[in-house]
Amino acid sequence: MKHKKLYNFYTIFCTSVWVTFILSQLVYMFSSFSNMDEMTSIIYVAGTVTIDLVKMLAIYSNMDRIKPLLNDLNNPLFQPKCKEHVELALAVKKFHSRLFYFCLYFGVQTYICFSAIPFILEENVTLTQGWFPIDWTYSPNYEIVYAFQNIVILWNTLIFLNLDTFTSGLLMQVGLQCDFLSTTFNKIDAFHVSSGVLIENGEQMALSLKDNHEFFNRVMTENLIVCVKHYRKIRRLATEIEDIHHISVFILFLGGAIIICADLFQLSIVQTGGVEFVLFVSFLMCMLMEQFMYCWFGNEIIFKSDNIFAASYNTPWLDCDLKFRKILLNFMTQSIDPIGLKAGGLFTMSIKAFVSVLKSAYSYFTLLQRIQEKECSELN
């Protein structure tokens, strides 16, 4: 790899700065443990940065698995084989592009809100709470702290944008391949096998299949075997993605409820319409979007892989021989359970999991409000 030493230095430097930022947050958190307002004001930032660090390390440590995975997507089995496949692929590409710009908008908006706080309030305040071994209220210490936090927040925004859209792209590929296979099953008699890959029939091939029943049986059996191989490749792809991301997504779901809760609590105590209010709303949207993406695409994989089982009924199995029917029956027993990606091996990425996170976040939020009300009543 060209400039490998420079790349390694950059990686170590950025990770060190990131860890230093998290440590400053943790020290401040422990020193303010008895103050609920201070705790929640730092949890939503520290938690998010920590989760993104874990996701980055998960990607970096599995790079030797990700590269072959991306190369495997160029496998002929995964390529479009008819007009319907091309239309599906273009629709997914368009959707992923829109998703990227949607995430970019909220990410940049949140970063701008963070960066603009000192200028709008017209006073020396840190972008987020943290402990520092220097008195940051005076120049040039304040400028150093501001630049330090600004760089980390900007980098974290870029990491969030790149990692989540990259992972969502992989999940969309699994869903797209399921759509490809379902479409293929719905018109399996419109293909024939050439060099181990399905090719659309020409007029001559279509006539041969219609006139020669023995030839039809052989072609349909070959087509079905290729479809079974395609399905196994899809399952292997989904399993590989799950193995790479299951820990980071588990931590995302585990910490997501706490972060959303802390953000909601801060929203309830800041002035409505102010820059801090806009910041917390933007941050909440980013966090919800991050959680929802994984759950939505995980849910889509479950739904689309289930369609494969249903589409296998649409094959012309009544017109085929016993060999075809046995292979089809064996395939249907394998595909009766839809493909589901688990986070931490405990729960499946789905809309149901997203709703559970929201319910947990709201429960924590109401608990914090009751504790705060109790503390206020005791003071009065």
Protein backbone atom coordinates (compact mmCIF):
# COMPACT_ATOMS: atom_id res chain seq x y z
CA MET A 1 0.00 0.00 0.00
CA LYS A 2 1.34 3.42 -1.01
CA HIS A 3 2.08 5.85 1.86
CA LYS A 4 1.25 3.14 4.41
CA LYS A 5 3.34 4.79 7.16
CA LEU A 6 1.54 8.11 6.67
CA TYR A 7 -1.83 6.35 6.73
CA ASN A 8 -0.93 4.47 9.94
CA PHE A 9 0.26 7.70 11.57
CA TYR A 10 -2.99 9.43 10.61
CA THR A 11 -5.04 6.53 12.01
CA ILE A 12 -3.13 6.46 15.31
CA PHE A 13 -3.27 10.25 15.66
CA CYS A 14 -7.01 10.51 14.98
CA THR A 15 -7.83 7.60 17.27
CA SER A 16 -5.69 9.12 20.05
CA VAL A 17 -7.47 12.47 19.73
CA TRP A 18 -10.82 10.69 19.76
CA VAL A 19 -9.95 8.69 22.88
CA THR A 20 -8.65 11.85 24.59
CA PHE A 21 -11.98 13.55 23.87
CA ILE A 22 -13.90 10.62 25.38
CA LEU A 23 -11.64 10.58 28.47
CA SER A 24 -12.21 14.30 29.07
CA GLN A 25 -15.95 13.63 28.90
CA LEU A 26 -15.76 10.65 31.28
CA VAL A 27 -13.70 12.54 33.88
CA TYR A 28 -16.20 15.40 33.81
CA MET A 29 -19.08 12.93 34.02
CA PHE A 30 -17.74 11.29 37.18
CA SER A 31 -17.02 14.68 38.76
CA SER A 32 -20.65 15.74 38.08
CA PHE A 33 -22.27 12.44 39.00
CA SER A 34 -24.72 14.00 41.46
CA ASN A 35 -25.91 16.69 39.01
CA MET A 36 -28.51 15.25 36.64
CA ASP A 37 -28.52 18.22 34.26
CA GLU A 38 -24.75 18.05 33.86
CA MET A 39 -24.80 14.27 33.44
CA THR A 40 -27.40 14.28 30.67
CA SER A 41 -25.69 17.20 28.94
CA ILE A 42 -22.59 15.06 28.45
CA ILE A 43 -24.00 11.53 28.06
CA TYR A 44 -25.58 12.18 24.66
CA VAL A 45 -22.27 13.39 23.18
CA ALA A 46 -19.92 10.99 24.98
CA GLY A 47 -22.17 8.02 24.20
CA THR A 48 -22.44 8.87 20.51
CA VAL A 49 -18.70 9.44 20.07
CA THR A 50 -17.96 6.16 21.88
CA ILE A 51 -20.40 4.22 19.69
CA ASP A 52 -18.92 5.70 16.51
CA LEU A 53 -15.42 4.83 17.75
CA VAL A 54 -16.51 1.21 18.27
CA LYS A 55 -18.04 1.12 14.77
CA MET A 56 -14.87 2.53 13.25
CA LEU A 57 -12.70 -0.03 15.05
CA ALA A 58 -15.06 -2.81 13.93
CA ILE A 59 -14.61 -1.76 10.31
CA TYR A 60 -10.85 -1.24 10.65
CA SER A 61 -10.23 -4.58 12.39
CA ASN A 62 -12.30 -6.46 9.79
CA MET A 63 -10.84 -4.79 6.71
CA ASP A 64 -9.33 -8.10 5.59
CA ARG A 65 -12.87 -9.53 5.49
CA ILE A 66 -14.56 -6.48 3.99
CA LYS A 67 -12.34 -6.30 0.90
CA PRO A 68 -13.11 -9.90 -0.23
CA LEU A 69 -16.78 -9.26 0.58
CA LEU A 70 -16.86 -6.24 -1.74
CA ASN A 71 -15.02 -8.18 -4.44
CA ASP A 72 -17.54 -11.00 -4.06
CA LEU A 73 -20.33 -8.59 -5.04
CA ASN A 74 -18.81 -8.66 -8.54
CA ASN A 75 -19.57 -12.39 -8.70
CA PRO A 76 -21.58 -13.18 -11.87
CA LEU A 77 -24.33 -14.71 -9.69
CA PHE A 78 -24.96 -11.27 -8.15
CA GLN A 79 -25.19 -9.38 -11.46
CA PRO A 80 -28.49 -8.31 -13.12
CA LYS A 81 -29.73 -10.90 -15.59
CA CYS A 82 -32.77 -9.22 -17.14
CA LYS A 83 -34.48 -5.86 -17.58
CA GLU A 84 -36.40 -6.21 -14.31
CA HIS A 85 -33.13 -6.77 -12.42
CA VAL A 86 -31.61 -3.62 -13.93
CA GLU A 87 -34.66 -1.57 -12.93
CA LEU A 88 -34.44 -2.90 -9.35
CA ALA A 89 -30.71 -2.09 -9.17
CA LEU A 90 -31.22 1.46 -10.47
CA ALA A 91 -34.02 2.05 -7.94
CA VAL A 92 -31.77 0.89 -5.08
CA LYS A 93 -28.91 3.08 -6.32
CA LYS A 94 -31.21 6.11 -6.46
CA PHE A 95 -32.58 5.42 -2.98
CA HIS A 96 -29.09 5.04 -1.50
CA SER A 97 -28.04 8.35 -3.06
CA ARG A 98 -31.04 10.09 -1.51
CA LEU A 99 -30.30 8.46 1.84
CA PHE A 100 -26.71 9.75 1.72
CA TYR A 101 -27.78 13.35 1.12
CA PHE A 102 -30.48 13.08 3.78
CA CYS A 103 -27.89 11.94 6.33
CA LEU A 104 -25.46 14.60 5.09
CA TYR A 105 -28.03 17.34 5.67
CA PHE A 106 -28.74 16.44 9.30
CA GLY A 107 -25.09 15.67 10.03
CA VAL A 108 -23.88 19.04 8.72
CA GLN A 109 -26.75 20.86 10.42
CA THR A 110 -25.85 19.31 13.78
CA TYR A 111 -22.16 20.12 13.33
CA ILE A 112 -22.94 23.75 12.43
CA CYS A 113 -25.16 24.09 15.51
CA PHE A 114 -22.34 22.77 17.71
CA SER A 115 -19.76 25.10 16.14
CA ALA A 116 -21.98 28.19 16.23
CA ILE A 117 -22.95 28.06 19.92
CA PRO A 118 -20.09 30.33 21.19
CA PHE A 119 -20.72 32.88 18.43
CA ILE A 120 -24.49 33.03 18.92
CA LEU A 121 -24.27 33.19 22.72
CA GLU A 122 -21.37 35.67 22.38
CA GLU A 123 -19.42 34.15 25.24
CA ASN A 124 -16.62 31.66 25.78
CA VAL A 125 -18.38 28.32 26.19
CA THR A 126 -17.18 24.87 25.20
CA LEU A 127 -19.02 23.02 22.44
CA THR A 128 -19.73 20.26 24.94
CA GLN A 129 -18.90 19.72 28.58
CA GLY A 130 -15.53 18.20 29.41
CA TRP A 131 -12.63 18.19 31.86
CA PHE A 132 -9.39 19.91 30.83
CA PRO A 133 -6.09 20.24 32.72
CA ILE A 134 -5.96 23.95 31.82
CA ASP A 135 -8.15 26.98 32.51
CA TRP A 136 -9.98 27.18 29.19
CA THR A 137 -11.84 30.41 29.99
CA TYR A 138 -8.88 32.55 28.92
CA SER A 139 -7.21 33.02 25.54
CA PRO A 140 -5.43 31.20 23.89
CA ASN A 141 -6.49 28.17 25.97
CA TYR A 142 -10.10 28.65 24.92
CA GLU A 143 -9.20 28.66 21.21
CA ILE A 144 -7.19 25.44 21.68
CA VAL A 145 -10.10 23.69 23.45
CA TYR A 146 -12.57 24.99 20.86
CA ALA A 147 -10.42 23.72 17.97
CA PHE A 148 -9.92 20.36 19.72
CA GLN A 149 -13.64 19.77 20.28
CA ASN A 150 -14.56 21.15 16.86
CA ILE A 151 -12.20 18.76 15.08
CA VAL A 152 -13.49 15.74 17.02
CA ILE A 153 -17.14 16.63 16.38
CA LEU A 154 -16.47 17.23 12.67
CA TRP A 155 -14.58 13.96 12.37
CA ASN A 156 -17.31 12.12 14.26
CA THR A 157 -19.90 13.57 11.86
CA LEU A 158 -17.91 12.33 8.86
CA ILE A 159 -17.45 8.90 10.46
CA PHE A 160 -21.20 8.66 11.17
CA LEU A 161 -22.00 9.65 7.60
CA ASN A 162 -19.52 7.30 5.92
CA LEU A 163 -19.82 4.21 8.13
CA ASP A 164 -23.60 4.19 8.35
CA THR A 165 -24.20 4.84 4.66
CA PHE A 166 -21.56 2.20 3.80
CA THR A 167 -23.19 -0.39 6.06
CA SER A 168 -26.67 0.51 4.84
CA GLY A 169 -25.37 0.03 1.29
CA LEU A 170 -24.25 -3.51 2.16
CA LEU A 171 -27.63 -4.27 3.73
CA MET A 172 -29.37 -2.88 0.65
CA GLN A 173 -27.26 -5.21 -1.49
CA VAL A 174 -28.57 -8.21 0.46
CA GLY A 175 -32.14 -7.00 -0.04
CA LEU A 176 -31.48 -6.33 -3.73
CA GLN A 177 -30.13 -9.85 -4.26
CA CYS A 178 -33.26 -11.25 -2.61
CA ASP A 179 -35.34 -9.21 -5.08
CA PHE A 180 -33.21 -10.51 -7.95
CA LEU A 181 -33.77 -14.10 -6.90
CA SER A 182 -37.52 -13.64 -6.37
CA THR A 183 -37.82 -12.11 -9.84
CA THR A 184 -35.79 -14.97 -11.31
CA PHE A 185 -38.06 -17.58 -9.70
CA ASN A 186 -41.14 -15.80 -11.06
CA LYS A 187 -39.81 -16.19 -14.62
CA ILE A 188 -37.35 -19.07 -14.31
CA ASP A 189 -38.43 -20.52 -17.66
CA ALA A 190 -37.20 -17.33 -19.38
CA PHE A 191 -33.55 -18.21 -18.66
CA HIS A 192 -30.97 -20.84 -19.46
CA VAL A 193 -27.55 -21.56 -17.97
CA SER A 194 -24.36 -20.53 -19.74
CA SER A 195 -20.96 -20.82 -17.99
CA GLY A 196 -22.71 -21.29 -14.65
CA VAL A 197 -24.75 -18.08 -14.98
CA LEU A 198 -28.38 -17.50 -15.96
CA ILE A 199 -28.87 -15.86 -19.36
CA GLU A 200 -32.16 -14.65 -20.82
CA ASN A 201 -33.54 -16.85 -23.58
CA GLY A 202 -33.57 -15.79 -27.18
CA GLU A 203 -36.37 -16.66 -29.58
CA GLN A 204 -34.68 -19.87 -30.73
CA MET A 205 -34.12 -21.08 -27.15
CA ALA A 206 -37.73 -20.26 -26.24
CA LEU A 207 -39.00 -22.36 -29.16
CA SER A 208 -36.70 -25.27 -28.24
CA LEU A 209 -37.98 -25.26 -24.65
CA LYS A 210 -41.56 -25.26 -25.88
CA ASP A 211 -41.13 -28.08 -28.39
CA ASN A 212 -38.80 -30.44 -26.49
CA HIS A 213 -40.07 -31.48 -23.04
CA GLU A 214 -36.93 -33.42 -22.13
CA PHE A 215 -34.78 -30.41 -23.00
CA PHE A 216 -37.16 -28.22 -20.97
CA ASN A 217 -36.71 -30.44 -17.89
CA ARG A 218 -32.93 -30.33 -18.18
CA VAL A 219 -32.82 -26.53 -18.59
CA MET A 220 -35.24 -25.94 -15.71
CA THR A 221 -33.20 -28.20 -13.42
CA GLU A 222 -29.98 -26.38 -14.33
CA ASN A 223 -31.71 -23.03 -13.73
CA LEU A 224 -32.95 -24.16 -10.34
CA ILE A 225 -29.49 -25.36 -9.28
CA VAL A 226 -28.03 -21.93 -10.13
CA CYS A 227 -30.84 -20.26 -8.14
CA VAL A 228 -30.02 -22.45 -5.13
CA LYS A 229 -26.35 -21.44 -5.42
CA HIS A 230 -27.42 -17.80 -5.62
CA TYR A 231 -29.51 -18.17 -2.46
CA ARG A 232 -26.63 -19.75 -0.56
CA LYS A 233 -24.35 -16.90 -1.65
CA ILE A 234 -26.92 -14.40 -0.37
CA ARG A 235 -27.08 -16.15 3.00
CA ARG A 236 -23.28 -16.24 3.18
CA LEU A 237 -23.15 -12.51 2.36
CA ALA A 238 -25.70 -11.71 5.08
CA THR A 239 -23.82 -13.84 7.61
CA GLU A 240 -20.53 -12.10 6.79
CA ILE A 241 -22.10 -8.65 7.24
CA GLU A 242 -23.63 -9.77 10.53
CA ASP A 243 -20.30 -11.11 11.81
CA ILE A 244 -18.56 -7.81 11.00
CA HIS A 245 -21.17 -5.49 12.50
CA HIS A 246 -23.02 -7.47 15.16
CA ILE A 247 -21.03 -6.08 18.14
CA SER A 248 -21.08 -2.44 16.99
CA VAL A 249 -24.80 -2.56 16.16
CA PHE A 250 -25.51 -4.23 19.51
CA ILE A 251 -23.69 -1.39 21.32
CA LEU A 252 -25.57 1.12 19.14
CA PHE A 253 -28.93 -0.32 20.19
CA LEU A 254 -27.85 -0.73 23.80
CA GLY A 255 -26.58 2.83 24.14
CA GLY A 256 -29.09 4.36 21.74
CA ALA A 257 -31.93 4.32 24.25
CA ILE A 258 -29.78 6.10 26.87
CA ILE A 259 -28.54 8.70 24.37
CA ILE A 260 -32.04 9.42 23.05
CA CYS A 261 -33.27 9.67 26.64
CA ALA A 262 -30.51 12.16 27.54
CA ASP A 263 -31.24 14.23 24.44
CA LEU A 264 -34.98 14.33 25.21
CA PHE A 265 -34.20 15.42 28.77
CA GLN A 266 -32.02 18.26 27.51
CA LEU A 267 -34.78 19.29 25.10
CA SER A 268 -37.19 19.54 28.01
CA ILE A 269 -35.00 22.00 29.96
CA VAL A 270 -33.63 24.33 27.24
CA GLN A 271 -35.44 27.33 25.80
CA THR A 272 -37.66 26.45 22.86
CA GLY A 273 -36.48 27.99 19.60
CA GLY A 274 -32.95 28.76 20.77
CA VAL A 275 -29.76 27.49 19.15
CA GLU A 276 -29.41 24.77 21.80
CA PHE A 277 -32.97 23.62 21.10
CA VAL A 278 -32.20 23.37 17.36
CA LEU A 279 -28.99 21.50 18.21
CA PHE A 280 -30.78 18.91 20.36
CA VAL A 281 -33.53 18.44 17.75
CA SER A 282 -30.93 17.91 14.99
CA PHE A 283 -28.94 15.56 17.20
CA LEU A 284 -32.09 13.60 18.05
CA MET A 285 -32.94 13.28 14.36
CA CYS A 286 -29.44 11.96 13.61
CA MET A 287 -29.63 9.41 16.42
CA LEU A 288 -33.11 8.23 15.43
CA MET A 289 -32.08 8.03 11.79
CA GLU A 290 -28.98 6.01 12.68
CA GLN A 291 -31.03 3.53 14.71
CA PHE A 292 -33.82 3.39 12.15
CA MET A 293 -31.54 2.69 9.18
CA TYR A 294 -30.20 -0.55 10.63
CA CYS A 295 -33.65 -1.68 11.77
CA TRP A 296 -35.37 -0.74 8.51
CA PHE A 297 -32.89 -2.46 6.21
CA GLY A 298 -32.73 -5.47 8.54
CA ASN A 299 -36.52 -5.65 8.36
CA GLU A 300 -36.41 -5.34 4.56
CA ILE A 301 -34.03 -8.31 4.36
CA ILE A 302 -36.45 -10.40 6.44
CA PHE A 303 -39.39 -9.42 4.23
CA LYS A 304 -37.58 -9.82 0.90
CA SER A 305 -35.95 -13.13 1.81
CA ASP A 306 -39.39 -14.41 2.82
CA ASN A 307 -40.58 -13.46 -0.67
CA ILE A 308 -38.03 -15.91 -2.12
CA PHE A 309 -39.84 -18.81 -0.46
CA ALA A 310 -43.18 -17.56 -1.83
CA ALA A 311 -41.72 -16.98 -5.31
CA SER A 312 -40.43 -20.56 -5.50
CA TYR A 313 -44.08 -21.67 -5.79
CA ASN A 314 -44.27 -19.77 -9.09
CA THR A 315 -41.82 -22.10 -10.82
CA PRO A 316 -43.37 -24.46 -13.41
CA TRP A 317 -42.83 -27.43 -11.09
CA LEU A 318 -45.99 -29.19 -12.28
CA ASP A 319 -44.50 -29.42 -15.79
CA CYS A 320 -41.07 -30.54 -14.57
CA ASP A 321 -39.69 -33.98 -13.75
CA LEU A 322 -39.14 -35.59 -10.34
CA LYS A 323 -35.52 -34.42 -10.08
CA PHE A 324 -36.59 -30.78 -10.34
CA ARG A 325 -39.29 -31.26 -7.73
CA LYS A 326 -36.91 -32.90 -5.25
CA ILE A 327 -34.38 -30.07 -5.61
CA LEU A 328 -37.17 -27.50 -5.24
CA LEU A 329 -38.55 -29.22 -2.14
CA ASN A 330 -35.10 -29.31 -0.58
CA PHE A 331 -34.61 -25.62 -1.38
CA MET A 332 -37.97 -24.68 0.12
CA THR A 333 -37.11 -26.40 3.39
CA GLN A 334 -33.89 -24.32 3.50
CA SER A 335 -35.57 -21.01 2.65
CA ILE A 336 -38.69 -21.36 4.80
CA ASP A 337 -36.95 -19.35 7.53
CA PRO A 338 -36.23 -15.79 6.32
CA ILE A 339 -32.77 -14.27 6.55
CA GLY A 340 -32.41 -12.22 9.74
CA LEU A 341 -29.39 -10.27 10.94
CA LYS A 342 -28.81 -10.37 14.68
CA ALA A 343 -27.10 -7.72 16.79
CA GLY A 344 -24.86 -9.24 19.44
CA GLY A 345 -26.52 -12.59 18.78
CA LEU A 346 -29.45 -11.50 20.97
CA PHE A 347 -32.03 -9.67 18.90
CA THR A 348 -32.82 -9.28 15.20
CA MET A 349 -32.46 -5.97 13.40
CA SER A 350 -36.08 -5.10 12.63
CA ILE A 351 -38.74 -2.44 13.11
CA LYS A 352 -39.78 -4.28 16.26
CA ALA A 353 -36.29 -3.72 17.71
CA PHE A 354 -36.47 -0.01 16.82
CA VAL A 355 -39.82 0.34 18.60
CA SER A 356 -38.31 -1.39 21.66
CA VAL A 357 -35.44 1.14 21.70
CA LEU A 358 -37.92 4.03 21.54
CA LYS A 359 -40.03 2.57 24.34
CA SER A 360 -36.94 2.10 26.52
CA ALA A 361 -35.76 5.66 25.79
CA TYR A 362 -39.14 7.12 26.72
CA SER A 363 -39.27 5.04 29.91
CA TYR A 364 -35.83 6.33 30.96
CA PHE A 365 -36.90 9.88 30.07
CA THR A 366 -40.02 9.77 32.25
CA LEU A 367 -37.95 8.29 35.09
CA LEU A 368 -35.45 11.17 34.87
CA GLN A 369 -38.28 13.70 34.86
CA ARG A 370 -39.79 12.19 38.00
CA ILE A 371 -36.40 12.22 39.74
CA GLN A 372 -35.89 15.85 38.77
CA GLU A 373 -39.37 16.82 39.97
CA LYS A 374 -38.72 15.05 43.26
CA GLU A 375 -35.40 16.88 43.72
CA CYS A 376 -37.04 20.23 42.94
CA SER A 377 -39.85 19.58 45.42
CA GLU A 378 -37.34 18.66 48.13
CA LEU A 379 -35.39 21.88 47.53
CA ASN A 380 -38.58 23.92 47.77
